[in-house]
PDB file of N, CA and C in Angstrom:
ATOM      1  N   MET A   1       3.314  22.059  20.280  1.00  0.00           N
ATOM      2  CA  MET A   1       2.679  22.074  18.982  1.00  0.00           C
ATOM      3  C   MET A   1       2.280  20.648  18.598  1.00  0.00           C
ATOM      4  N   MET A   2       1.050  20.475  18.137  1.00  0.00           N
ATOM      5  CA  MET A   2       0.579  19.150  17.748  1.00  0.00           C
ATOM      6  C   MET A   2       1.056  18.843  16.323  1.00  0.00           C
ATOM      7  N   PRO A   3       1.413  17.577  16.058  1.00  0.00           N
ATOM      8  CA  PRO A   3       1.833  17.237  14.704  1.00  0.00           C
ATOM      9  C   PRO A   3       0.656  17.356  13.736  1.00  0.00           C
ATOM     10  N   SER A   4       0.947  17.749  12.520  1.00  0.00           N
ATOM     11  CA  SER A   4      -0.119  17.868  11.523  1.00  0.00           C
ATOM     12  C   SER A   4      -0.600  16.478  11.090  1.00  0.00           C
ATOM     13  N   ARG A   5      -1.789  16.438  10.530  1.00  0.00           N
ATOM     14  CA  ARG A   5      -2.344  15.172  10.071  1.00  0.00           C
ATOM     15  C   ARG A   5      -1.452  14.573   8.982  1.00  0.00           C
ATOM     16  N   SER A   6      -0.907  15.393   8.100  1.00  0.00           N
ATOM     17  CA  SER A   6      -0.088  14.869   7.009  1.00  0.00           C
ATOM     18  C   SER A   6       1.198  14.236   7.541  1.00  0.00           C
ATOM     19  N   SER A   7       1.797  14.811   8.572  1.00  0.00           N
ATOM     20  CA  SER A   7       3.012  14.202   9.126  1.00  0.00           C
ATOM     21  C   SER A   7       2.679  12.870   9.775  1.00  0.00           C
ATOM     22  N   GLY A   8       1.494  12.776  10.379  1.00  0.00           N
ATOM     23  CA  GLY A   8       1.058  11.504  10.960  1.00  0.00           C
ATOM     24  C   GLY A   8       0.851  10.441   9.892  1.00  0.00           C
ATOM     25  N   LEU A   9       0.262  10.837   8.764  1.00  0.00           N
ATOM     26  CA  LEU A   9       0.065   9.893   7.672  1.00  0.00           C
ATOM     27  C   LEU A   9       1.399   9.462   7.075  1.00  0.00           C
ATOM     28  N   THR A  10       2.312  10.398   6.948  1.00  0.00           N
ATOM     29  CA  THR A  10       3.631  10.061   6.410  1.00  0.00           C
ATOM     30  C   THR A  10       4.325   9.053   7.315  1.00  0.00           C
ATOM     31  N   LYS A  11       4.239   9.263   8.615  1.00  0.00           N
ATOM     32  CA  LYS A  11       4.851   8.334   9.569  1.00  0.00           C
ATOM     33  C   LYS A  11       4.174   6.964   9.474  1.00  0.00           C
ATOM     34  N   ALA A  12       2.851   6.963   9.382  1.00  0.00           N
ATOM     35  CA  ALA A  12       2.121   5.696   9.274  1.00  0.00           C
ATOM     36  C   ALA A  12       2.479   4.965   7.991  1.00  0.00           C
ATOM     37  N   ARG A  13       2.591   5.694   6.898  1.00  0.00           N
ATOM     38  CA  ARG A  13       2.993   5.074   5.629  1.00  0.00           C
ATOM     39  C   ARG A  13       4.390   4.478   5.743  1.00  0.00           C
ATOM     40  N   ALA A  14       5.298   5.195   6.392  1.00  0.00           N
ATOM     41  CA  ALA A  14       6.653   4.686   6.562  1.00  0.00           C
ATOM     42  C   ALA A  14       6.659   3.400   7.375  1.00  0.00           C
ATOM     43  N   GLU A  15       5.806   3.341   8.407  1.00  0.00           N
ATOM     44  CA  GLU A  15       5.720   2.125   9.205  1.00  0.00           C
ATOM     45  C   GLU A  15       5.138   0.974   8.401  1.00  0.00           C
ATOM     46  N   ILE A  16       4.137   1.263   7.574  1.00  0.00           N
ATOM     47  CA  ILE A  16       3.559   0.223   6.724  1.00  0.00           C
ATOM     48  C   ILE A  16       4.606  -0.281   5.733  1.00  0.00           C
ATOM     49  N   LEU A  17       5.342   0.628   5.119  1.00  0.00           N
ATOM     50  CA  LEU A  17       6.366   0.231   4.176  1.00  0.00           C
ATOM     51  C   LEU A  17       7.420  -0.656   4.846  1.00  0.00           C
ATOM     52  N   SER A  18       7.816  -0.291   6.035  1.00  0.00           N
ATOM     53  CA  SER A  18       8.805  -1.086   6.766  1.00  0.00           C
ATOM     54  C   SER A  18       8.283  -2.505   7.000  1.00  0.00           C
ATOM     55  N   THR A  19       7.041  -2.597   7.436  1.00  0.00           N
ATOM     56  CA  THR A  19       6.436  -3.912   7.681  1.00  0.00           C
ATOM     57  C   THR A  19       6.358  -4.718   6.398  1.00  0.00           C
ATOM     58  N   LEU A  20       5.923  -4.076   5.309  1.00  0.00           N
ATOM     59  CA  LEU A  20       5.796  -4.786   4.036  1.00  0.00           C
ATOM     60  C   LEU A  20       7.148  -5.222   3.506  1.00  0.00           C
ATOM     61  N   ARG A  21       8.154  -4.370   3.653  1.00  0.00           N
ATOM     62  CA  ARG A  21       9.499  -4.753   3.195  1.00  0.00           C
ATOM     63  C   ARG A  21       9.989  -5.982   3.963  1.00  0.00           C
ATOM     64  N   ASP A  22       9.730  -6.019   5.261  1.00  0.00           N
ATOM     65  CA  ASP A  22      10.139  -7.176   6.059  1.00  0.00           C
ATOM     66  C   ASP A  22       9.401  -8.428   5.622  1.00  0.00           C
ATOM     67  N   HIS A  23       8.098  -8.286   5.356  1.00  0.00           N
ATOM     68  CA  HIS A  23       7.278  -9.443   5.012  1.00  0.00           C
ATOM     69  C   HIS A  23       7.610  -9.977   3.623  1.00  0.00           C
ATOM     70  N   PHE A  24       7.915  -9.070   2.688  1.00  0.00           N
ATOM     71  CA  PHE A  24       8.168  -9.466   1.306  1.00  0.00           C
ATOM     72  C   PHE A  24       9.633  -9.235   0.927  1.00  0.00           C
ATOM     73  N   ARG A  25      10.508  -9.549   1.837  1.00  0.00           N
ATOM     74  CA  ARG A  25      11.934  -9.236   1.660  1.00  0.00           C
ATOM     75  C   ARG A  25      12.484  -9.672   0.306  1.00  0.00           C
ATOM     76  N   ASP A  26      12.162 -10.864  -0.145  1.00  0.00           N
ATOM     77  CA  ASP A  26      12.745 -11.387  -1.379  1.00  0.00           C
ATOM     78  C   ASP A  26      11.767 -11.407  -2.549  1.00  0.00           C
ATOM     79  N   GLU A  27      10.666 -10.684  -2.396  1.00  0.00           N
ATOM     80  CA  GLU A  27       9.639 -10.681  -3.426  1.00  0.00           C
ATOM     81  C   GLU A  27       9.767  -9.459  -4.334  1.00  0.00           C
ATOM     82  N   PRO A  28       9.305  -9.569  -5.582  1.00  0.00           N
ATOM     83  CA  PRO A  28       9.293  -8.404  -6.455  1.00  0.00           C
ATOM     84  C   PRO A  28       8.493  -7.242  -5.864  1.00  0.00           C
ATOM     85  N   LEU A  29       7.469  -7.560  -5.058  1.00  0.00           N
ATOM     86  CA  LEU A  29       6.647  -6.539  -4.438  1.00  0.00           C
ATOM     87  C   LEU A  29       7.489  -5.594  -3.585  1.00  0.00           C
ATOM     88  N   ALA A  30       8.494  -6.124  -2.896  1.00  0.00           N
ATOM     89  CA  ALA A  30       9.332  -5.281  -2.053  1.00  0.00           C
ATOM     90  C   ALA A  30      10.058  -4.245  -2.892  1.00  0.00           C
ATOM     91  N   ARG A  31      10.575  -4.662  -4.044  1.00  0.00           N
ATOM     92  CA  ARG A  31      11.253  -3.707  -4.913  1.00  0.00           C
ATOM     93  C   ARG A  31      10.262  -2.677  -5.452  1.00  0.00           C
ATOM     94  N   LEU A  32       9.059  -3.150  -5.760  1.00  0.00           N
ATOM     95  CA  LEU A  32       8.019  -2.247  -6.254  1.00  0.00           C
ATOM     96  C   LEU A  32       7.683  -1.192  -5.210  1.00  0.00           C
ATOM     97  N   ILE A  33       7.524  -1.630  -3.962  1.00  0.00           N
ATOM     98  CA  ILE A  33       7.204  -0.702  -2.881  1.00  0.00           C
ATOM     99  C   ILE A  33       8.345   0.297  -2.691  1.00  0.00           C
ATOM    100  N   CYS A  34       9.559  -0.188  -2.710  1.00  0.00           N
ATOM    101  CA  CYS A  34      10.711   0.683  -2.471  1.00  0.00           C
ATOM    102  C   CYS A  34      10.846   1.752  -3.554  1.00  0.00           C
ATOM    103  N   GLN A  35      10.383   1.434  -4.756  1.00  0.00           N
ATOM    104  CA  GLN A  35      10.528   2.365  -5.881  1.00  0.00           C
ATOM    105  C   GLN A  35       9.335   3.298  -6.006  1.00  0.00           C
ATOM    106  N   SER A  36       8.284   3.066  -5.244  1.00  0.00           N
ATOM    107  CA  SER A  36       7.042   3.818  -5.396  1.00  0.00           C
ATOM    108  C   SER A  36       7.129   5.197  -4.757  1.00  0.00           C
ATOM    109  N   LYS A  37       6.300   6.081  -5.280  1.00  0.00           N
ATOM    110  CA  LYS A  37       6.150   7.399  -4.699  1.00  0.00           C
ATOM    111  C   LYS A  37       4.855   7.427  -3.911  1.00  0.00           C
ATOM    112  N   VAL A  38       4.829   8.177  -2.816  1.00  0.00           N
ATOM    113  CA  VAL A  38       3.597   8.317  -2.047  1.00  0.00           C
ATOM    114  C   VAL A  38       2.614   9.122  -2.885  1.00  0.00           C
ATOM    115  N   SER A  39       1.401   8.606  -3.005  1.00  0.00           N
ATOM    116  CA  SER A  39       0.382   9.250  -3.815  1.00  0.00           C
ATOM    117  C   SER A  39      -0.845   9.568  -2.976  1.00  0.00           C
ATOM    118  N   LYS A  40      -1.575  10.591  -3.349  1.00  0.00           N
ATOM    119  CA  LYS A  40      -2.796  10.933  -2.621  1.00  0.00           C
ATOM    120  C   LYS A  40      -4.003  10.199  -3.173  1.00  0.00           C
ATOM    121  N   SER A  41      -3.837   9.514  -4.306  1.00  0.00           N
ATOM    122  CA  SER A  41      -4.990   8.793  -4.855  1.00  0.00           C
ATOM    123  C   SER A  41      -5.188   7.501  -4.072  1.00  0.00           C
ATOM    124  N   ALA A  42      -6.380   6.961  -4.184  1.00  0.00           N
ATOM    125  CA  ALA A  42      -6.696   5.717  -3.481  1.00  0.00           C
ATOM    126  C   ALA A  42      -7.537   4.846  -4.398  1.00  0.00           C
ATOM    127  N   VAL A  43      -7.567   3.573  -4.087  1.00  0.00           N
ATOM    128  CA  VAL A  43      -8.401   2.654  -4.846  1.00  0.00           C
ATOM    129  C   VAL A  43      -9.522   2.179  -3.942  1.00  0.00           C
ATOM    130  N   THR A  44     -10.601   1.777  -4.550  1.00  0.00           N
ATOM    131  CA  THR A  44     -11.691   1.239  -3.750  1.00  0.00           C
ATOM    132  C   THR A  44     -11.367  -0.179  -3.348  1.00  0.00           C
ATOM    133  N   ARG A  45     -12.007  -0.649  -2.319  1.00  0.00           N
ATOM    134  CA  ARG A  45     -11.754  -1.997  -1.852  1.00  0.00           C
ATOM    135  C   ARG A  45     -12.077  -3.009  -2.955  1.00  0.00           C
ATOM    136  N   ARG A  46     -13.162  -2.778  -3.676  1.00  0.00           N
ATOM    137  CA  ARG A  46     -13.547  -3.702  -4.747  1.00  0.00           C
ATOM    138  C   ARG A  46     -12.466  -3.740  -5.827  1.00  0.00           C
ATOM    139  N   ASN A  47     -11.957  -2.588  -6.222  1.00  0.00           N
ATOM    140  CA  ASN A  47     -10.894  -2.560  -7.225  1.00  0.00           C
ATOM    141  C   ASN A  47      -9.638  -3.238  -6.721  1.00  0.00           C
ATOM    142  N   ALA A  48      -9.326  -3.034  -5.453  1.00  0.00           N
ATOM    143  CA  ALA A  48      -8.127  -3.661  -4.896  1.00  0.00           C
ATOM    144  C   ALA A  48      -8.220  -5.179  -4.969  1.00  0.00           C
ATOM    145  N   ARG A  49      -9.412  -5.705  -4.751  1.00  0.00           N
ATOM    146  CA  ARG A  49      -9.587  -7.150  -4.804  1.00  0.00           C
ATOM    147  C   ARG A  49      -9.418  -7.694  -6.212  1.00  0.00           C
ATOM    148  N   GLN A  50      -9.627  -6.856  -7.213  1.00  0.00           N
ATOM    149  CA  GLN A  50      -9.500  -7.311  -8.595  1.00  0.00           C
ATOM    150  C   GLN A  50      -8.044  -7.347  -9.066  1.00  0.00           C
ATOM    151  N   LEU A  51      -7.173  -6.713  -8.309  1.00  0.00           N
ATOM    152  CA  LEU A  51      -5.757  -6.715  -8.677  1.00  0.00           C
ATOM    153  C   LEU A  51      -5.175  -8.101  -8.477  1.00  0.00           C
ATOM    154  N   ASP A  52      -4.289  -8.483  -9.332  1.00  0.00           N
ATOM    155  CA  ASP A  52      -3.680  -9.803  -9.177  1.00  0.00           C
ATOM    156  C   ASP A  52      -2.163  -9.709  -9.261  1.00  0.00           C
ATOM    157  N   ARG A  53      -1.520 -10.833  -9.031  1.00  0.00           N
ATOM    158  CA  ARG A  53      -0.061 -10.873  -9.009  1.00  0.00           C
ATOM    159  C   ARG A  53       0.551 -10.428 -10.341  1.00  0.00           C
ATOM    160  N   ALA A  54      -0.103 -10.783 -11.438  1.00  0.00           N
ATOM    161  CA  ALA A  54       0.420 -10.390 -12.751  1.00  0.00           C
ATOM    162  C   ALA A  54       0.507  -8.875 -12.868  1.00  0.00           C
ATOM    163  N   GLN A  55      -0.484  -8.178 -12.331  1.00  0.00           N
ATOM    164  CA  GLN A  55      -0.449  -6.730 -12.395  1.00  0.00           C
ATOM    165  C   GLN A  55       0.723  -6.174 -11.583  1.00  0.00           C
ATOM    166  N   LEU A  56       0.979  -6.782 -10.443  1.00  0.00           N
ATOM    167  CA  LEU A  56       2.131  -6.333  -9.652  1.00  0.00           C
ATOM    168  C   LEU A  56       3.422  -6.570 -10.417  1.00  0.00           C
ATOM    169  N   ASP A  57       3.537  -7.752 -11.023  1.00  0.00           N
ATOM    170  CA  ASP A  57       4.777  -8.109 -11.693  1.00  0.00           C
ATOM    171  C   ASP A  57       5.017  -7.312 -12.962  1.00  0.00           C
ATOM    172  N   THR A  58       3.964  -6.762 -13.529  1.00  0.00           N
ATOM    173  CA  THR A  58       4.149  -5.978 -14.755  1.00  0.00           C
ATOM    174  C   THR A  58       4.055  -4.481 -14.496  1.00  0.00           C
ATOM    175  N   TRP A  59       4.139  -4.100 -13.224  1.00  0.00           N
ATOM    176  CA  TRP A  59       4.216  -2.682 -12.849  1.00  0.00           C
ATOM    177  C   TRP A  59       2.969  -1.919 -13.279  1.00  0.00           C
ATOM    178  N   GLN A  60       1.800  -2.543 -13.094  1.00  0.00           N
ATOM    179  CA  GLN A  60       0.571  -1.852 -13.424  1.00  0.00           C
ATOM    180  C   GLN A  60      -0.048  -1.179 -12.196  1.00  0.00           C
ATOM    181  N   LEU A  61       0.562  -1.331 -11.053  1.00  0.00           N
ATOM    182  CA  LEU A  61       0.132  -0.563  -9.883  1.00  0.00           C
ATOM    183  C   LEU A  61       1.008   0.670  -9.847  1.00  0.00           C
ATOM    184  N   HIS A  62       0.387   1.827  -9.867  1.00  0.00           N
ATOM    185  CA  HIS A  62       1.154   3.047 -10.061  1.00  0.00           C
ATOM    186  C   HIS A  62       1.357   3.891  -8.814  1.00  0.00           C
ATOM    187  N   ASN A  63       0.766   3.480  -7.701  1.00  0.00           N
ATOM    188  CA  ASN A  63       1.002   4.304  -6.531  1.00  0.00           C
ATOM    189  C   ASN A  63       1.016   3.460  -5.258  1.00  0.00           C
ATOM    190  N   LEU A  64       1.581   4.013  -4.264  1.00  0.00           N
ATOM    191  CA  LEU A  64       1.775   3.327  -2.992  1.00  0.00           C
ATOM    192  C   LEU A  64       0.461   2.877  -2.380  1.00  0.00           C
ATOM    193  N   ASP A  65      -0.571   3.683  -2.478  1.00  0.00           N
ATOM    194  CA  ASP A  65      -1.849   3.334  -1.859  1.00  0.00           C
ATOM    195  C   ASP A  65      -2.417   2.055  -2.450  1.00  0.00           C
ATOM    196  N   GLU A  66      -2.342   1.898  -3.765  1.00  0.00           N
ATOM    197  CA  GLU A  66      -2.832   0.683  -4.388  1.00  0.00           C
ATOM    198  C   GLU A  66      -2.052  -0.521  -3.871  1.00  0.00           C
ATOM    199  N   ILE A  67      -0.753  -0.371  -3.731  1.00  0.00           N
ATOM    200  CA  ILE A  67       0.092  -1.480  -3.282  1.00  0.00           C
ATOM    201  C   ILE A  67      -0.237  -1.846  -1.844  1.00  0.00           C
ATOM    202  N   VAL A  68      -0.385  -0.843  -0.984  1.00  0.00           N
ATOM    203  CA  VAL A  68      -0.679  -1.105   0.420  1.00  0.00           C
ATOM    204  C   VAL A  68      -2.044  -1.772   0.575  1.00  0.00           C
ATOM    205  N   VAL A  69      -3.064  -1.230  -0.106  1.00  0.00           N
ATOM    206  CA  VAL A  69      -4.406  -1.814   0.007  1.00  0.00           C
ATOM    207  C   VAL A  69      -4.405  -3.229  -0.543  1.00  0.00           C
ATOM    208  N   TYR A  70      -3.790  -3.419  -1.688  1.00  0.00           N
ATOM    209  CA  TYR A  70      -3.686  -4.746  -2.282  1.00  0.00           C
ATOM    210  C   TYR A  70      -3.044  -5.730  -1.313  1.00  0.00           C
ATOM    211  N   THR A  71      -1.946  -5.315  -0.724  1.00  0.00           N
ATOM    212  CA  THR A  71      -1.195  -6.195   0.181  1.00  0.00           C
ATOM    213  C   THR A  71      -2.007  -6.501   1.436  1.00  0.00           C
ATOM    214  N   MET A  72      -2.679  -5.479   1.983  1.00  0.00           N
ATOM    215  CA  MET A  72      -3.486  -5.706   3.174  1.00  0.00           C
ATOM    216  C   MET A  72      -4.579  -6.737   2.887  1.00  0.00           C
ATOM    217  N   LEU A  73      -5.219  -6.634   1.724  1.00  0.00           N
ATOM    218  CA  LEU A  73      -6.279  -7.569   1.381  1.00  0.00           C
ATOM    219  C   LEU A  73      -5.720  -8.962   1.099  1.00  0.00           C
ATOM    220  N   LYS A  74      -4.539  -9.047   0.512  1.00  0.00           N
ATOM    221  CA  LYS A  74      -3.929 -10.352   0.244  1.00  0.00           C
ATOM    222  C   LYS A  74      -3.526 -11.048   1.548  1.00  0.00           C
ATOM    223  N   LEU A  75      -3.004 -10.281   2.501  1.00  0.00           N
ATOM    224  CA  LEU A  75      -2.565 -10.869   3.761  1.00  0.00           C
ATOM    225  C   LEU A  75      -3.747 -11.288   4.621  1.00  0.00           C
ATOM    226  N   ASN A  76      -4.848 -10.544   4.530  1.00  0.00           N
ATOM    227  CA  ASN A  76      -6.028 -10.846   5.327  1.00  0.00           C
ATOM    228  C   ASN A  76      -7.266 -10.416   4.545  1.00  0.00           C
ATOM    229  N   PRO A  77      -7.761 -11.300   3.653  1.00  0.00           N
ATOM    230  CA  PRO A  77      -8.847 -10.924   2.747  1.00  0.00           C
ATOM    231  C   PRO A  77     -10.107 -10.427   3.435  1.00  0.00           C
ATOM    232  N   GLY A  78     -10.385 -10.839   4.661  1.00  0.00           N
ATOM    233  CA  GLY A  78     -11.591 -10.405   5.345  1.00  0.00           C
ATOM    234  C   GLY A  78     -11.442  -9.125   6.136  1.00  0.00           C
ATOM    235  N   ALA A  79     -10.237  -8.605   6.188  1.00  0.00           N
ATOM    236  CA  ALA A  79      -9.980  -7.424   7.029  1.00  0.00           C
ATOM    237  C   ALA A  79     -10.594  -6.167   6.427  1.00  0.00           C
ATOM    238  N   PRO A  80     -11.176  -5.330   7.279  1.00  0.00           N
ATOM    239  CA  PRO A  80     -11.656  -4.051   6.767  1.00  0.00           C
ATOM    240  C   PRO A  80     -10.453  -3.149   6.483  1.00  0.00           C
ATOM    241  N   THR A  81     -10.464  -2.466   5.370  1.00  0.00           N
ATOM    242  CA  THR A  81      -9.384  -1.534   5.063  1.00  0.00           C
ATOM    243  C   THR A  81      -9.956  -0.132   5.058  1.00  0.00           C
ATOM    244  N   ASP A  82      -9.348   0.733   5.779  1.00  0.00           N
ATOM    245  CA  ASP A  82      -9.803   2.115   5.874  1.00  0.00           C
ATOM    246  C   ASP A  82      -9.219   2.888   4.707  1.00  0.00           C
ATOM    247  N   ILE A  83      -9.925   2.845   3.577  1.00  0.00           N
ATOM    248  CA  ILE A  83      -9.419   3.490   2.378  1.00  0.00           C
ATOM    249  C   ILE A  83      -9.232   4.994   2.616  1.00  0.00           C
ATOM    250  N   GLY A  84     -10.099   5.608   3.413  1.00  0.00           N
ATOM    251  CA  GLY A  84      -9.985   7.030   3.689  1.00  0.00           C
ATOM    252  C   GLY A  84      -8.659   7.391   4.324  1.00  0.00           C
ATOM    253  N   PHE A  85      -8.052   6.460   5.026  1.00  0.00           N
ATOM    254  CA  PHE A  85      -6.759   6.689   5.654  1.00  0.00           C
ATOM    255  C   PHE A  85      -5.696   7.065   4.632  1.00  0.00           C
ATOM    256  N   PHE A  86      -5.843   6.558   3.424  1.00  0.00           N
ATOM    257  CA  PHE A  86      -4.814   6.782   2.404  1.00  0.00           C
ATOM    258  C   PHE A  86      -5.078   7.985   1.540  1.00  0.00           C
ATOM    259  N   GLN A  87      -6.182   8.706   1.777  1.00  0.00           N
ATOM    260  CA  GLN A  87      -6.480   9.867   0.938  1.00  0.00           C
ATOM    261  C   GLN A  87      -5.770  11.101   1.450  1.00  0.00           C
TER     262      GLN A  87
END
């Protein structure tokens, strides 16, 4: 039996969370990620770029996808992010 697409996404999200927790071990972002719920909503790349550290620190990011996209863009601003992956 082939794994479903949703189980693959769940596994991928878990791997991303693990990587982010390691990278931001002592940062407020790590606690934010650990407390987040997986969400089906997504943000656009342009919106993700408008997010700033103050928004993270004041808990204005409400779902895991926003946090992951934000973090990916912060770590490598020129990297393409496959927003569809998080839908």
